[in-house]
PDB file of all heavy atoms in Angstrom:
ATOM      1  N   TYR A   1     -25.547   2.953  -6.622  1.00  0.00           N
ATOM      2  CA  TYR A   1     -25.404   2.983  -8.076  1.00  0.00           C
ATOM      3  C   TYR A   1     -24.889   1.663  -8.626  1.00  0.00           C
ATOM      4  O   TYR A   1     -25.144   1.299  -9.771  1.00  0.00           O
ATOM      5  CB  TYR A   1     -24.500   4.143  -8.503  1.00  0.00           C
ATOM      6  CG  TYR A   1     -23.094   4.076  -7.965  1.00  0.00           C
ATOM      7  CD1 TYR A   1     -22.117   3.336  -8.614  1.00  0.00           C
ATOM      8  CD2 TYR A   1     -22.736   4.759  -6.812  1.00  0.00           C
ATOM      9  CE1 TYR A   1     -20.828   3.276  -8.131  1.00  0.00           C
ATOM     10  CE2 TYR A   1     -21.448   4.704  -6.316  1.00  0.00           C
ATOM     11  CZ  TYR A   1     -20.499   3.963  -6.978  1.00  0.00           C
ATOM     12  OH  TYR A   1     -19.216   3.892  -6.494  1.00  0.00           O
ATOM     13  N   ALA A   2     -24.137   0.903  -7.800  1.00  0.00           N
ATOM     14  CA  ALA A   2     -23.602  -0.378  -8.265  1.00  0.00           C
ATOM     15  C   ALA A   2     -24.732  -1.345  -8.621  1.00  0.00           C
ATOM     16  O   ALA A   2     -24.629  -2.115  -9.584  1.00  0.00           O
ATOM     17  CB  ALA A   2     -22.692  -0.992  -7.211  1.00  0.00           C
ATOM     18  N   SER A   3     -25.834  -1.272  -7.865  1.00  0.00           N
ATOM     19  CA  SER A   3     -26.962  -2.163  -8.157  1.00  0.00           C
ATOM     20  C   SER A   3     -27.622  -1.806  -9.479  1.00  0.00           C
ATOM     21  O   SER A   3     -28.129  -2.677 -10.191  1.00  0.00           O
ATOM     22  CB  SER A   3     -27.991  -2.097  -7.022  1.00  0.00           C
ATOM     23  OG  SER A   3     -28.606  -0.817  -6.958  1.00  0.00           O
ATOM     24  N   VAL A   4     -27.620  -0.518  -9.822  1.00  0.00           N
ATOM     25  CA  VAL A   4     -28.183  -0.090 -11.106  1.00  0.00           C
ATOM     26  C   VAL A   4     -27.328  -0.624 -12.249  1.00  0.00           C
ATOM     27  O   VAL A   4     -27.843  -1.137 -13.254  1.00  0.00           O
ATOM     28  CB  VAL A   4     -28.264   1.451 -11.175  1.00  0.00           C
ATOM     29  CG1 VAL A   4     -28.713   1.905 -12.562  1.00  0.00           C
ATOM     30  CG2 VAL A   4     -29.213   1.977 -10.114  1.00  0.00           C
ATOM     31  N   ILE A   5     -26.006  -0.501 -12.105  1.00  0.00           N
ATOM     32  CA  ILE A   5     -25.107  -0.997 -13.141  1.00  0.00           C
ATOM     33  C   ILE A   5     -25.232  -2.515 -13.279  1.00  0.00           C
ATOM     34  O   ILE A   5     -25.257  -3.054 -14.384  1.00  0.00           O
ATOM     35  CB  ILE A   5     -23.659  -0.592 -12.829  1.00  0.00           C
ATOM     36  CG1 ILE A   5     -23.545   0.938 -12.815  1.00  0.00           C
ATOM     37  CG2 ILE A   5     -22.685  -1.194 -13.836  1.00  0.00           C
ATOM     38  CD1 ILE A   5     -22.200   1.456 -12.370  1.00  0.00           C
ATOM     39  N   GLU A   6     -25.346  -3.189 -12.160  1.00  0.00           N
ATOM     40  CA  GLU A   6     -25.494  -4.645 -12.188  1.00  0.00           C
ATOM     41  C   GLU A   6     -26.791  -5.051 -12.885  1.00  0.00           C
ATOM     42  O   GLU A   6     -26.839  -6.056 -13.605  1.00  0.00           O
ATOM     43  CB  GLU A   6     -25.470  -5.201 -10.771  1.00  0.00           C
ATOM     44  CG  GLU A   6     -25.497  -6.725 -10.707  1.00  0.00           C
ATOM     45  CD  GLU A   6     -25.364  -7.251  -9.296  1.00  0.00           C
ATOM     46  OE1 GLU A   6     -25.657  -6.489  -8.353  1.00  0.00           O
ATOM     47  OE2 GLU A   6     -24.946  -8.415  -9.136  1.00  0.00           O
ATOM     48  N   LYS A   7     -27.841  -4.251 -12.700  1.00  0.00           N
ATOM     49  CA  LYS A   7     -29.134  -4.544 -13.314  1.00  0.00           C
ATOM     50  C   LYS A   7     -29.057  -4.456 -14.838  1.00  0.00           C
ATOM     51  O   LYS A   7     -29.567  -5.331 -15.546  1.00  0.00           O
ATOM     52  CB  LYS A   7     -30.186  -3.571 -12.787  1.00  0.00           C
ATOM     53  CG  LYS A   7     -31.552  -3.702 -13.458  1.00  0.00           C
ATOM     54  CD  LYS A   7     -32.520  -2.652 -12.917  1.00  0.00           C
ATOM     55  CE  LYS A   7     -33.856  -2.717 -13.646  1.00  0.00           C
ATOM     56  NZ  LYS A   7     -34.805  -1.681 -13.147  1.00  0.00           N
ATOM     57  N   PHE A   8     -28.411  -3.400 -15.345  1.00  0.00           N
ATOM     58  CA  PHE A   8     -28.369  -3.177 -16.794  1.00  0.00           C
ATOM     59  C   PHE A   8     -27.158  -3.815 -17.462  1.00  0.00           C
ATOM     60  O   PHE A   8     -27.205  -4.156 -18.642  1.00  0.00           O
ATOM     61  CB  PHE A   8     -28.379  -1.673 -17.090  1.00  0.00           C
ATOM     62  CG  PHE A   8     -29.680  -0.992 -16.783  1.00  0.00           C
ATOM     63  CD1 PHE A   8     -29.835  -0.258 -15.621  1.00  0.00           C
ATOM     64  CD2 PHE A   8     -30.752  -1.102 -17.650  1.00  0.00           C
ATOM     65  CE1 PHE A   8     -31.038   0.368 -15.326  1.00  0.00           C
ATOM     66  CE2 PHE A   8     -31.958  -0.477 -17.372  1.00  0.00           C
ATOM     67  CZ  PHE A   8     -32.108   0.257 -16.206  1.00  0.00           C
ATOM     68  N   ARG A   9     -26.058  -3.968 -16.740  1.00  0.00           N
ATOM     69  CA  ARG A   9     -24.843  -4.574 -17.283  1.00  0.00           C
ATOM     70  C   ARG A   9     -24.342  -5.636 -16.299  1.00  0.00           C
ATOM     71  O   ARG A   9     -23.344  -5.426 -15.598  1.00  0.00           O
ATOM     72  CB  ARG A   9     -23.757  -3.523 -17.502  1.00  0.00           C
ATOM     73  CG  ARG A   9     -24.201  -2.313 -18.314  1.00  0.00           C
ATOM     74  CD  ARG A   9     -24.176  -2.534 -19.795  1.00  0.00           C
ATOM     75  NE  ARG A   9     -24.632  -1.329 -20.484  1.00  0.00           N
ATOM     76  CZ  ARG A   9     -23.852  -0.292 -20.794  1.00  0.00           C
ATOM     77  NH1 ARG A   9     -22.564  -0.326 -20.477  1.00  0.00           N
ATOM     78  NH2 ARG A   9     -24.347   0.773 -21.410  1.00  0.00           N
ATOM     79  N   PRO A  10     -25.010  -6.782 -16.219  1.00  0.00           N
ATOM     80  CA  PRO A  10     -24.693  -7.791 -15.197  1.00  0.00           C
ATOM     81  C   PRO A  10     -23.283  -8.364 -15.289  1.00  0.00           C
ATOM     82  O   PRO A  10     -22.794  -8.960 -14.332  1.00  0.00           O
ATOM     83  CB  PRO A  10     -25.753  -8.874 -15.432  1.00  0.00           C
ATOM     84  CG  PRO A  10     -26.214  -8.668 -16.837  1.00  0.00           C
ATOM     85  CD  PRO A  10     -26.135  -7.199 -17.081  1.00  0.00           C
ATOM     86  N   ASN A  11     -22.601  -8.210 -16.410  1.00  0.00           N
ATOM     87  CA  ASN A  11     -21.260  -8.784 -16.563  1.00  0.00           C
ATOM     88  C   ASN A  11     -20.153  -7.765 -16.331  1.00  0.00           C
ATOM     89  O   ASN A  11     -19.011  -7.958 -16.763  1.00  0.00           O
ATOM     90  CB  ASN A  11     -21.120  -9.389 -17.964  1.00  0.00           C
ATOM     91  CG  ASN A  11     -22.096 -10.530 -18.213  1.00  0.00           C
ATOM     92  OD1 ASN A  11     -22.339 -11.354 -17.331  1.00  0.00           O
ATOM     93  ND2 ASN A  11     -22.676 -10.567 -19.413  1.00  0.00           N
ATOM     94  N   SER A  12     -20.488  -6.669 -15.659  1.00  0.00           N
ATOM     95  CA  SER A  12     -19.522  -5.575 -15.497  1.00  0.00           C
ATOM     96  C   SER A  12     -18.635  -5.717 -14.268  1.00  0.00           C
ATOM     97  O   SER A  12     -17.700  -4.940 -14.099  1.00  0.00           O
ATOM     98  CB  SER A  12     -20.273  -4.238 -15.413  1.00  0.00           C
ATOM     99  OG  SER A  12     -21.016  -4.011 -16.589  1.00  0.00           O
ATOM    100  N   PHE A  13     -18.930  -6.677 -13.408  1.00  0.00           N
ATOM    101  CA  PHE A  13     -18.183  -6.792 -12.156  1.00  0.00           C
ATOM    102  C   PHE A  13     -17.056  -7.810 -12.293  1.00  0.00           C
ATOM    103  O   PHE A  13     -17.149  -8.940 -11.833  1.00  0.00           O
ATOM    104  CB  PHE A  13     -19.125  -7.202 -11.017  1.00  0.00           C
ATOM    105  CG  PHE A  13     -20.107  -6.135 -10.636  1.00  0.00           C
ATOM    106  CD1 PHE A  13     -21.226  -5.894 -11.418  1.00  0.00           C
ATOM    107  CD2 PHE A  13     -19.905  -5.359  -9.511  1.00  0.00           C
ATOM    108  CE1 PHE A  13     -22.137  -4.911 -11.070  1.00  0.00           C
ATOM    109  CE2 PHE A  13     -20.808  -4.373  -9.151  1.00  0.00           C
ATOM    110  CZ  PHE A  13     -21.928  -4.148  -9.941  1.00  0.00           C
ATOM    111  N   SER A  14     -15.990  -7.428 -12.961  1.00  0.00           N
ATOM    112  CA  SER A  14     -14.851  -8.334 -13.110  1.00  0.00           C
ATOM    113  C   SER A  14     -13.736  -7.937 -12.148  1.00  0.00           C
ATOM    114  O   SER A  14     -13.438  -6.763 -11.954  1.00  0.00           O
ATOM    115  CB  SER A  14     -14.331  -8.303 -14.553  1.00  0.00           C
ATOM    116  OG  SER A  14     -13.969  -6.991 -14.929  1.00  0.00           O
ATOM    117  N   LYS A  15     -13.130  -8.943 -11.535  1.00  0.00           N
ATOM    118  CA  LYS A  15     -12.051  -8.689 -10.577  1.00  0.00           C
ATOM    119  C   LYS A  15     -10.810  -8.151 -11.282  1.00  0.00           C
ATOM    120  O   LYS A  15     -10.577  -8.435 -12.455  1.00  0.00           O
ATOM    121  CB  LYS A  15     -11.701  -9.983  -9.835  1.00  0.00           C
ATOM    122  CG  LYS A  15     -12.811 -10.507  -8.920  1.00  0.00           C
ATOM    123  CD  LYS A  15     -12.363 -11.774  -8.216  1.00  0.00           C
ATOM    124  CE  LYS A  15     -13.456 -12.314  -7.304  1.00  0.00           C
ATOM    125  NZ  LYS A  15     -13.725 -11.383  -6.172  1.00  0.00           N
ATOM    126  N   GLY A  16     -10.027  -7.358 -10.534  1.00  0.00           N
ATOM    127  CA  GLY A  16      -8.795  -6.818 -11.080  1.00  0.00           C
ATOM    128  C   GLY A  16      -7.836  -6.465  -9.959  1.00  0.00           C
ATOM    129  O   GLY A  16      -8.153  -6.601  -8.779  1.00  0.00           O
ATOM    130  N   ASN A  17      -6.668  -5.994 -10.343  1.00  0.00           N
ATOM    131  CA  ASN A  17      -5.626  -5.706  -9.356  1.00  0.00           C
ATOM    132  C   ASN A  17      -5.751  -4.306  -8.762  1.00  0.00           C
ATOM    133  O   ASN A  17      -6.145  -3.354  -9.437  1.00  0.00           O
ATOM    134  CB  ASN A  17      -4.240  -5.842  -9.989  1.00  0.00           C
ATOM    135  CG  ASN A  17      -3.897  -7.286 -10.309  1.00  0.00           C
ATOM    136  OD1 ASN A  17      -4.302  -8.201  -9.593  1.00  0.00           O
ATOM    137  ND2 ASN A  17      -3.147  -7.495 -11.388  1.00  0.00           N
ATOM    138  N   ILE A  18      -5.393  -4.215  -7.494  1.00  0.00           N
ATOM    139  CA  ILE A  18      -5.192  -2.931  -6.820  1.00  0.00           C
ATOM    140  C   ILE A  18      -3.686  -2.756  -6.650  1.00  0.00           C
ATOM    141  O   ILE A  18      -3.019  -3.616  -6.075  1.00  0.00           O
ATOM    142  CB  ILE A  18      -5.877  -2.889  -5.440  1.00  0.00           C
ATOM    143  CG1 ILE A  18      -7.384  -3.103  -5.598  1.00  0.00           C
ATOM    144  CG2 ILE A  18      -5.600  -1.560  -4.742  1.00  0.00           C
ATOM    145  CD1 ILE A  18      -8.124  -3.177  -4.274  1.00  0.00           C
ATOM    146  N   LYS A  19      -3.150  -1.650  -7.177  1.00  0.00           N
ATOM    147  CA  LYS A  19      -1.713  -1.415  -7.130  1.00  0.00           C
ATOM    148  C   LYS A  19      -1.389  -0.148  -6.359  1.00  0.00           C
ATOM    149  O   LYS A  19      -2.194   0.777  -6.284  1.00  0.00           O
ATOM    150  CB  LYS A  19      -1.139  -1.304  -8.547  1.00  0.00           C
ATOM    151  CG  LYS A  19      -1.237  -2.585  -9.375  1.00  0.00           C
ATOM    152  CD  LYS A  19      -0.591  -2.390 -10.742  1.00  0.00           C
ATOM    153  CE  LYS A  19      -0.602  -3.672 -11.556  1.00  0.00           C
ATOM    154  NZ  LYS A  19       0.048  -3.495 -12.886  1.00  0.00           N
ATOM    155  N   ASN A  20      -0.180  -0.124  -5.782  1.00  0.00           N
ATOM    156  CA  ASN A  20       0.279   1.103  -5.141  1.00  0.00           C
ATOM    157  C   ASN A  20       0.982   1.981  -6.180  1.00  0.00           C
ATOM    158  O   ASN A  20       1.062   1.633  -7.363  1.00  0.00           O
ATOM    159  CB  ASN A  20       1.185   0.797  -3.950  1.00  0.00           C
ATOM    160  CG  ASN A  20       2.443   0.024  -4.351  1.00  0.00           C
ATOM    161  OD1 ASN A  20       2.858   0.029  -5.516  1.00  0.00           O
ATOM    162  ND2 ASN A  20       3.063  -0.645  -3.382  1.00  0.00           N
ATOM    163  N   MET A  21       1.518   3.107  -5.739  1.00  0.00           N
ATOM    164  CA  MET A  21       2.122   4.062  -6.660  1.00  0.00           C
ATOM    165  C   MET A  21       3.397   3.524  -7.306  1.00  0.00           C
ATOM    166  O   MET A  21       3.863   4.064  -8.312  1.00  0.00           O
ATOM    167  CB  MET A  21       2.423   5.373  -5.933  1.00  0.00           C
ATOM    168  CG  MET A  21       1.191   6.102  -5.408  1.00  0.00           C
ATOM    169  SD  MET A  21       0.021   6.546  -6.712  1.00  0.00           S
ATOM    170  CE  MET A  21       0.980   7.752  -7.638  1.00  0.00           C
ATOM    171  N   ASN A  22       3.954   2.453  -6.763  1.00  0.00           N
ATOM    172  CA  ASN A  22       5.146   1.838  -7.342  1.00  0.00           C
ATOM    173  C   ASN A  22       4.807   0.731  -8.330  1.00  0.00           C
ATOM    174  O   ASN A  22       5.706   0.067  -8.848  1.00  0.00           O
ATOM    175  CB  ASN A  22       6.029   1.264  -6.224  1.00  0.00           C
ATOM    176  CG  ASN A  22       6.572   2.340  -5.301  1.00  0.00           C
ATOM    177  OD1 ASN A  22       6.925   3.437  -5.760  1.00  0.00           O
ATOM    178  ND2 ASN A  22       6.635   2.047  -4.008  1.00  0.00           N
ATOM    179  N   GLY A  23       3.512   0.518  -8.555  1.00  0.00           N
ATOM    180  CA  GLY A  23       3.090  -0.506  -9.493  1.00  0.00           C
ATOM    181  C   GLY A  23       3.023  -1.901  -8.902  1.00  0.00           C
ATOM    182  O   GLY A  23       2.836  -2.876  -9.639  1.00  0.00           O
ATOM    183  N   GLU A  24       3.146  -2.003  -7.583  1.00  0.00           N
ATOM    184  CA  GLU A  24       3.099  -3.307  -6.921  1.00  0.00           C
ATOM    185  C   GLU A  24       1.648  -3.694  -6.623  1.00  0.00           C
ATOM    186  O   GLU A  24       0.852  -2.863  -6.156  1.00  0.00           O
ATOM    187  CB  GLU A  24       3.893  -3.262  -5.620  1.00  0.00           C
ATOM    188  CG  GLU A  24       5.364  -2.907  -5.817  1.00  0.00           C
ATOM    189  CD  GLU A  24       6.058  -2.554  -4.514  1.00  0.00           C
ATOM    190  OE1 GLU A  24       5.360  -2.133  -3.562  1.00  0.00           O
ATOM    191  OE2 GLU A  24       7.293  -2.695  -4.460  1.00  0.00           O
ATOM    192  N   VAL A  25       1.306  -4.956  -6.885  1.00  0.00           N
ATOM    193  CA  VAL A  25      -0.036  -5.446  -6.596  1.00  0.00           C
ATOM    194  C   VAL A  25      -0.172  -5.656  -5.091  1.00  0.00           C
ATOM    195  O   VAL A  25       0.591  -6.407  -4.482  1.00  0.00           O
ATOM    196  CB  VAL A  25      -0.321  -6.772  -7.339  1.00  0.00           C
ATOM    197  CG1 VAL A  25      -1.703  -7.304  -6.962  1.00  0.00           C
ATOM    198  CG2 VAL A  25      -0.226  -6.561  -8.848  1.00  0.00           C
ATOM    199  N   ILE A  26      -1.141  -4.979  -4.489  1.00  0.00           N
ATOM    200  CA  ILE A  26      -1.328  -5.094  -3.038  1.00  0.00           C
ATOM    201  C   ILE A  26      -2.728  -5.587  -2.671  1.00  0.00           C
ATOM    202  O   ILE A  26      -3.067  -5.706  -1.490  1.00  0.00           O
ATOM    203  CB  ILE A  26      -1.080  -3.742  -2.333  1.00  0.00           C
ATOM    204  CG1 ILE A  26      -2.024  -2.662  -2.886  1.00  0.00           C
ATOM    205  CG2 ILE A  26       0.369  -3.317  -2.493  1.00  0.00           C
ATOM    206  CD1 ILE A  26      -1.929  -1.344  -2.134  1.00  0.00           C
ATOM    207  N   GLY A  27      -3.541  -5.886  -3.689  1.00  0.00           N
ATOM    208  CA  GLY A  27      -4.881  -6.383  -3.403  1.00  0.00           C
ATOM    209  C   GLY A  27      -5.654  -6.651  -4.678  1.00  0.00           C
ATOM    210  O   GLY A  27      -5.144  -6.475  -5.790  1.00  0.00           O
ATOM    211  N   VAL A  28      -6.894  -7.099  -4.508  1.00  0.00           N
ATOM    212  CA  VAL A  28      -7.781  -7.407  -5.633  1.00  0.00           C
ATOM    213  C   VAL A  28      -9.124  -6.730  -5.390  1.00  0.00           C
ATOM    214  O   VAL A  28      -9.657  -6.743  -4.274  1.00  0.00           O
ATOM    215  CB  VAL A  28      -7.982  -8.936  -5.777  1.00  0.00           C
ATOM    216  CG1 VAL A  28      -8.973  -9.244  -6.888  1.00  0.00           C
ATOM    217  CG2 VAL A  28      -6.646  -9.624  -6.055  1.00  0.00           C
ATOM    218  N   HIS A  29      -9.676  -6.134  -6.441  1.00  0.00           N
ATOM    219  CA  HIS A  29     -10.994  -5.494  -6.322  1.00  0.00           C
ATOM    220  C   HIS A  29     -12.056  -6.326  -7.040  1.00  0.00           C
ATOM    221  O   HIS A  29     -11.734  -7.197  -7.846  1.00  0.00           O
ATOM    222  CB  HIS A  29     -10.960  -4.071  -6.902  1.00  0.00           C
ATOM    223  CG  HIS A  29     -10.701  -4.011  -8.378  1.00  0.00           C
ATOM    224  ND1 HIS A  29     -11.665  -4.294  -9.320  1.00  0.00           N
ATOM    225  CD2 HIS A  29      -9.574  -3.700  -9.083  1.00  0.00           C
ATOM    226  CE1 HIS A  29     -11.169  -4.141 -10.530  1.00  0.00           C
ATOM    227  NE2 HIS A  29      -9.889  -3.788 -10.417  1.00  0.00           N
ATOM    228  N   ASP A  30     -13.315  -6.022  -6.770  1.00  0.00           N
ATOM    229  CA  ASP A  30     -14.434  -6.764  -7.361  1.00  0.00           C
ATOM    230  C   ASP A  30     -15.094  -6.035  -8.513  1.00  0.00           C
ATOM    231  O   ASP A  30     -16.190  -6.404  -8.953  1.00  0.00           O
ATOM    232  CB  ASP A  30     -15.497  -7.047  -6.286  1.00  0.00           C
ATOM    233  CG  ASP A  30     -15.005  -8.031  -5.240  1.00  0.00           C
ATOM    234  OD1 ASP A  30     -14.271  -8.973  -5.618  1.00  0.00           O
ATOM    235  OD2 ASP A  30     -15.340  -7.854  -4.054  1.00  0.00           O
ATOM    236  N   GLY A  31     -14.447  -5.003  -9.022  1.00  0.00           N
ATOM    237  CA  GLY A  31     -15.008  -4.242 -10.139  1.00  0.00           C
ATOM    238  C   GLY A  31     -14.731  -2.767  -9.978  1.00  0.00           C
ATOM    239  O   GLY A  31     -14.957  -2.194  -8.899  1.00  0.00           O
ATOM    240  N   ILE A  32     -14.228  -2.115 -11.027  1.00  0.00           N
ATOM    241  CA  ILE A  32     -13.841  -0.711 -10.910  1.00  0.00           C
ATOM    242  C   ILE A  32     -15.039   0.199 -10.670  1.00  0.00           C
ATOM    243  O   ILE A  32     -14.870   1.338 -10.214  1.00  0.00           O
ATOM    244  CB  ILE A  32     -13.065  -0.231 -12.155  1.00  0.00           C
ATOM    245  CG1 ILE A  32     -13.944  -0.313 -13.416  1.00  0.00           C
ATOM    246  CG2 ILE A  32     -11.778  -1.001 -12.330  1.00  0.00           C
ATOM    247  CD1 ILE A  32     -13.302   0.320 -14.628  1.00  0.00           C
ATOM    248  N   ILE A  33     -16.259  -0.287 -10.946  1.00  0.00           N
ATOM    249  CA  ILE A  33     -17.425   0.562 -10.736  1.00  0.00           C
ATOM    250  C   ILE A  33     -17.666   0.834  -9.252  1.00  0.00           C
ATOM    251  O   ILE A  33     -18.462   1.705  -8.906  1.00  0.00           O
ATOM    252  CB  ILE A  33     -18.692  -0.049 -11.358  1.00  0.00           C
ATOM    253  CG1 ILE A  33     -19.029  -1.376 -10.675  1.00  0.00           C
ATOM    254  CG2 ILE A  33     -18.528  -0.229 -12.841  1.00  0.00           C
ATOM    255  CD1 ILE A  33     -20.373  -1.920 -11.099  1.00  0.00           C
ATOM    256  N   ASN A  34     -16.990   0.101  -8.386  1.00  0.00           N
ATOM    257  CA  ASN A  34     -17.137   0.317  -6.947  1.00  0.00           C
ATOM    258  C   ASN A  34     -16.206   1.401  -6.415  1.00  0.00           C
ATOM    259  O   ASN A  34     -16.160   1.638  -5.205  1.00  0.00           O
ATOM    260  CB  ASN A  34     -16.864  -0.990  -6.193  1.00  0.00           C
ATOM    261  CG  ASN A  34     -17.894  -2.060  -6.479  1.00  0.00           C
ATOM    262  OD1 ASN A  34     -19.082  -1.855  -6.288  1.00  0.00           O
ATOM    263  ND2 ASN A  34     -17.439  -3.210  -6.974  1.00  0.00           N
ATOM    264  N   TYR A  35     -15.469   2.064  -7.318  1.00  0.00           N
ATOM    265  CA  TYR A  35     -14.451   3.020  -6.883  1.00  0.00           C
ATOM    266  C   TYR A  35     -14.577   4.350  -7.619  1.00  0.00           C
ATOM    267  O   TYR A  35     -14.969   4.393  -8.792  1.00  0.00           O
ATOM    268  CB  TYR A  35     -13.047   2.452  -7.126  1.00  0.00           C
ATOM    269  CG  TYR A  35     -12.777   1.168  -6.371  1.00  0.00           C
ATOM    270  CD1 TYR A  35     -13.178  -0.059  -6.893  1.00  0.00           C
ATOM    271  CD2 TYR A  35     -12.140   1.186  -5.136  1.00  0.00           C
ATOM    272  CE1 TYR A  35     -12.944  -1.245  -6.202  1.00  0.00           C
ATOM    273  CE2 TYR A  35     -11.902   0.011  -4.436  1.00  0.00           C
ATOM    274  CZ  TYR A  35     -12.307  -1.200  -4.975  1.00  0.00           C
ATOM    275  OH  TYR A  35     -12.079  -2.363  -4.286  1.00  0.00           O
ATOM    276  N   THR A  36     -14.235   5.414  -6.921  1.00  0.00           N
ATOM    277  CA  THR A  36     -14.152   6.744  -7.524  1.00  0.00           C
ATOM    278  C   THR A  36     -12.854   7.409  -7.061  1.00  0.00           C
ATOM    279  O   THR A  36     -12.339   7.100  -5.986  1.00  0.00           O
ATOM    280  CB  THR A  36     -15.340   7.641  -7.123  1.00  0.00           C
ATOM    281  OG1 THR A  36     -15.392   7.757  -5.698  1.00  0.00           O
ATOM    282  CG2 THR A  36     -16.647   7.082  -7.629  1.00  0.00           C
ATOM    283  N   ILE A  37     -12.350   8.329  -7.868  1.00  0.00           N
ATOM    284  CA  ILE A  37     -11.129   9.046  -7.513  1.00  0.00           C
ATOM    285  C   ILE A  37     -11.331   9.800  -6.196  1.00  0.00           C
ATOM    286  O   ILE A  37     -12.336  10.483  -6.004  1.00  0.00           O
ATOM    287  CB  ILE A  37     -10.732  10.040  -8.616  1.00  0.00           C
ATOM    288  CG1 ILE A  37     -10.547   9.321  -9.948  1.00  0.00           C
ATOM    289  CG2 ILE A  37      -9.467  10.805  -8.229  1.00  0.00           C
ATOM    290  CD1 ILE A  37      -9.426   8.313  -9.950  1.00  0.00           C
ATOM    291  N   GLY A  38     -10.377   9.660  -5.292  1.00  0.00           N
ATOM    292  CA  GLY A  38     -10.463  10.330  -4.000  1.00  0.00           C
ATOM    293  C   GLY A  38     -11.083   9.488  -2.912  1.00  0.00           C
ATOM    294  O   GLY A  38     -11.095   9.887  -1.739  1.00  0.00           O
ATOM    295  N   GLN A  39     -11.613   8.312  -3.285  1.00  0.00           N
ATOM    296  CA  GLN A  39     -12.258   7.443  -2.301  1.00  0.00           C
ATOM    297  C   GLN A  39     -11.249   6.937  -1.282  1.00  0.00           C
ATOM    298  O   GLN A  39     -10.119   6.576  -1.606  1.00  0.00           O
ATOM    299  CB  GLN A  39     -12.909   6.263  -3.029  1.00  0.00           C
ATOM    300  CG  GLN A  39     -13.601   5.256  -2.135  1.00  0.00           C
ATOM    301  CD  GLN A  39     -14.260   4.154  -2.945  1.00  0.00           C
ATOM    302  OE1 GLN A  39     -14.666   4.359  -4.083  1.00  0.00           O
ATOM    303  NE2 GLN A  39     -14.362   2.966  -2.361  1.00  0.00           N
TER     304      GLN A  39
END
């Protein structure tokens, strides 16, 4: 599905922070569209 989103909305893949439950930054993601709850 990420390729479909990239096709129609090519500017949707912006990097952002990955945080733990304490609000601490523990990583960086390449776009929230690559994630779903429970993953």
